[in-house]
Amino acid sequence: MLILFGTKGYLYQLAILTLVCGRCGNPAAHTLRKRVTKFTLFFVPLFPISTKYATQCTFCGAESKLSAQEAEQLQAQAAAGGGQGGQVHGGQAPQQPYHQ
């Protein structure tokens, strides 16, 4: 009997915020993203094995890793319409698979 198992990644866009980039110094839109890697059995995703959060500058492309708490705070700021420089767009986009 052959058992097929592995992992599959999903990328969620949680919000878009205007922040000052730590690399280029520009006040630019940053996407707040959540990456979830799930264990799969026979190509069916069963449970998450890894969750990571990051922001990415849309001006220079720099990516900054965040803790879950930091990501929750930024998402709350986006939902409230405030934050560093103001919120551009909040909400959760549909999940998209990503390849590592």
Protein backbone atom coordinates (compact mmCIF):
# COMPACT_ATOMS: atom_id res chain seq x y z
CA MET A 1 0.00 0.00 0.00
CA LEU A 2 1.34 3.41 -0.99
CA ILE A 3 0.77 6.35 1.38
CA LEU A 4 1.28 9.82 -0.08
CA PHE A 5 2.01 12.63 2.35
CA GLY A 6 3.75 15.99 2.35
CA THR A 7 3.15 19.69 2.92
CA LYS A 8 1.37 22.49 1.10
CA GLY A 9 1.70 26.22 1.69
CA TYR A 10 -1.06 28.83 1.77
CA LEU A 11 -0.59 32.59 1.62
CA TYR A 12 -3.20 34.90 3.15
CA GLN A 13 -3.18 38.67 2.64
CA LEU A 14 -4.54 40.08 5.90
CA ALA A 15 -4.32 43.84 5.27
CA ILE A 16 -2.57 46.63 3.42
CA LEU A 17 -1.17 49.40 5.62
CA THR A 18 0.78 52.58 4.99
CA LEU A 19 4.00 52.33 7.03
CA VAL A 20 7.47 53.85 6.86
CA CYS A 21 9.80 51.22 5.43
CA GLY A 22 12.78 50.33 7.60
CA ARG A 23 14.95 49.70 4.52
CA CYS A 24 14.15 52.45 2.00
CA GLY A 25 12.66 54.99 4.46
CA ASN A 26 9.66 55.72 2.24
CA PRO A 27 6.11 55.93 3.62
CA ALA A 28 4.65 53.22 1.38
CA ALA A 29 1.93 50.60 1.34
CA HIS A 30 2.93 47.37 3.09
CA THR A 31 1.06 44.10 2.73
CA LEU A 32 0.52 42.12 5.92
CA ARG A 33 0.73 38.43 5.04
CA LYS A 34 0.28 35.13 6.83
CA ARG A 35 1.96 31.97 5.53
CA VAL A 36 0.56 28.65 6.71
CA THR A 37 2.18 25.31 5.91
CA LYS A 38 -0.19 22.35 6.29
CA PHE A 39 0.51 18.62 6.48
CA THR A 40 -1.20 16.75 3.66
CA LEU A 41 -2.23 13.12 3.34
CA PHE A 42 -3.20 11.97 -0.16
CA PHE A 43 -3.12 15.65 -1.25
CA VAL A 44 -5.71 16.64 1.40
CA PRO A 45 -4.51 19.37 3.79
CA LEU A 46 -5.12 18.11 7.34
CA PHE A 47 -3.57 20.45 9.92
CA PRO A 48 -1.19 23.41 10.09
CA ILE A 49 2.41 22.69 11.05
CA SER A 50 3.84 26.21 10.64
CA THR A 51 2.43 29.76 10.67
CA LYS A 52 4.55 32.82 9.87
CA TYR A 53 3.70 36.51 9.55
CA ALA A 54 5.47 39.23 7.56
CA THR A 55 5.02 42.66 6.02
CA GLN A 56 6.36 43.54 2.58
CA CYS A 57 7.06 47.04 1.29
CA THR A 58 5.41 47.63 -2.08
CA PHE A 59 8.03 50.28 -2.95
CA CYS A 60 11.32 48.38 -2.49
CA GLY A 61 10.11 44.81 -1.81
CA ALA A 62 11.76 44.52 1.63
CA GLU A 63 10.15 41.87 3.83
CA SER A 64 10.05 42.04 7.63
CA LYS A 65 9.11 39.04 9.76
CA LEU A 66 6.63 39.60 12.60
CA SER A 67 5.47 37.73 15.66
CA ALA A 68 1.83 36.65 15.87
CA GLN A 69 1.17 39.42 18.43
CA GLU A 70 2.68 42.11 16.19
CA ALA A 71 0.62 40.88 13.24
CA GLU A 72 -2.57 40.94 15.32
CA GLN A 73 -1.84 44.51 16.43
CA LEU A 74 -1.28 45.68 12.83
CA GLN A 75 -4.44 43.91 11.69
CA ALA A 76 -6.41 45.57 14.50
CA GLN A 77 -5.01 48.97 13.43
CA ALA A 78 -6.08 48.28 9.84
CA ALA A 79 -9.59 47.30 10.97
CA ALA A 80 -9.85 50.45 13.11
CA GLY A 81 -8.72 52.65 10.24
CA GLY A 82 -5.80 54.11 12.17
CA GLY A 83 -2.20 53.30 12.73
CA GLN A 84 1.13 54.53 11.52
CA GLY A 85 0.26 56.73 8.57
CA GLY A 86 -3.30 55.42 8.23
CA GLN A 87 -4.93 52.33 6.87
CA VAL A 88 -5.43 51.82 3.16
CA HIS A 89 -7.32 48.51 3.08
CA GLY A 90 -8.19 45.83 5.62
CA GLY A 91 -9.73 42.39 5.48
CA GLN A 92 -8.71 38.89 4.50
CA ALA A 93 -8.22 37.93 0.89
CA PRO A 94 -8.95 34.42 -0.34
CA GLN A 95 -6.23 31.88 0.35
CA GLN A 96 -3.67 31.27 -2.37
CA PRO A 97 -1.19 28.42 -2.53
CA TYR A 98 2.44 29.49 -2.65
CA HIS A 99 5.52 27.56 -3.62
CA GLN A 100 8.72 27.56 -1.59
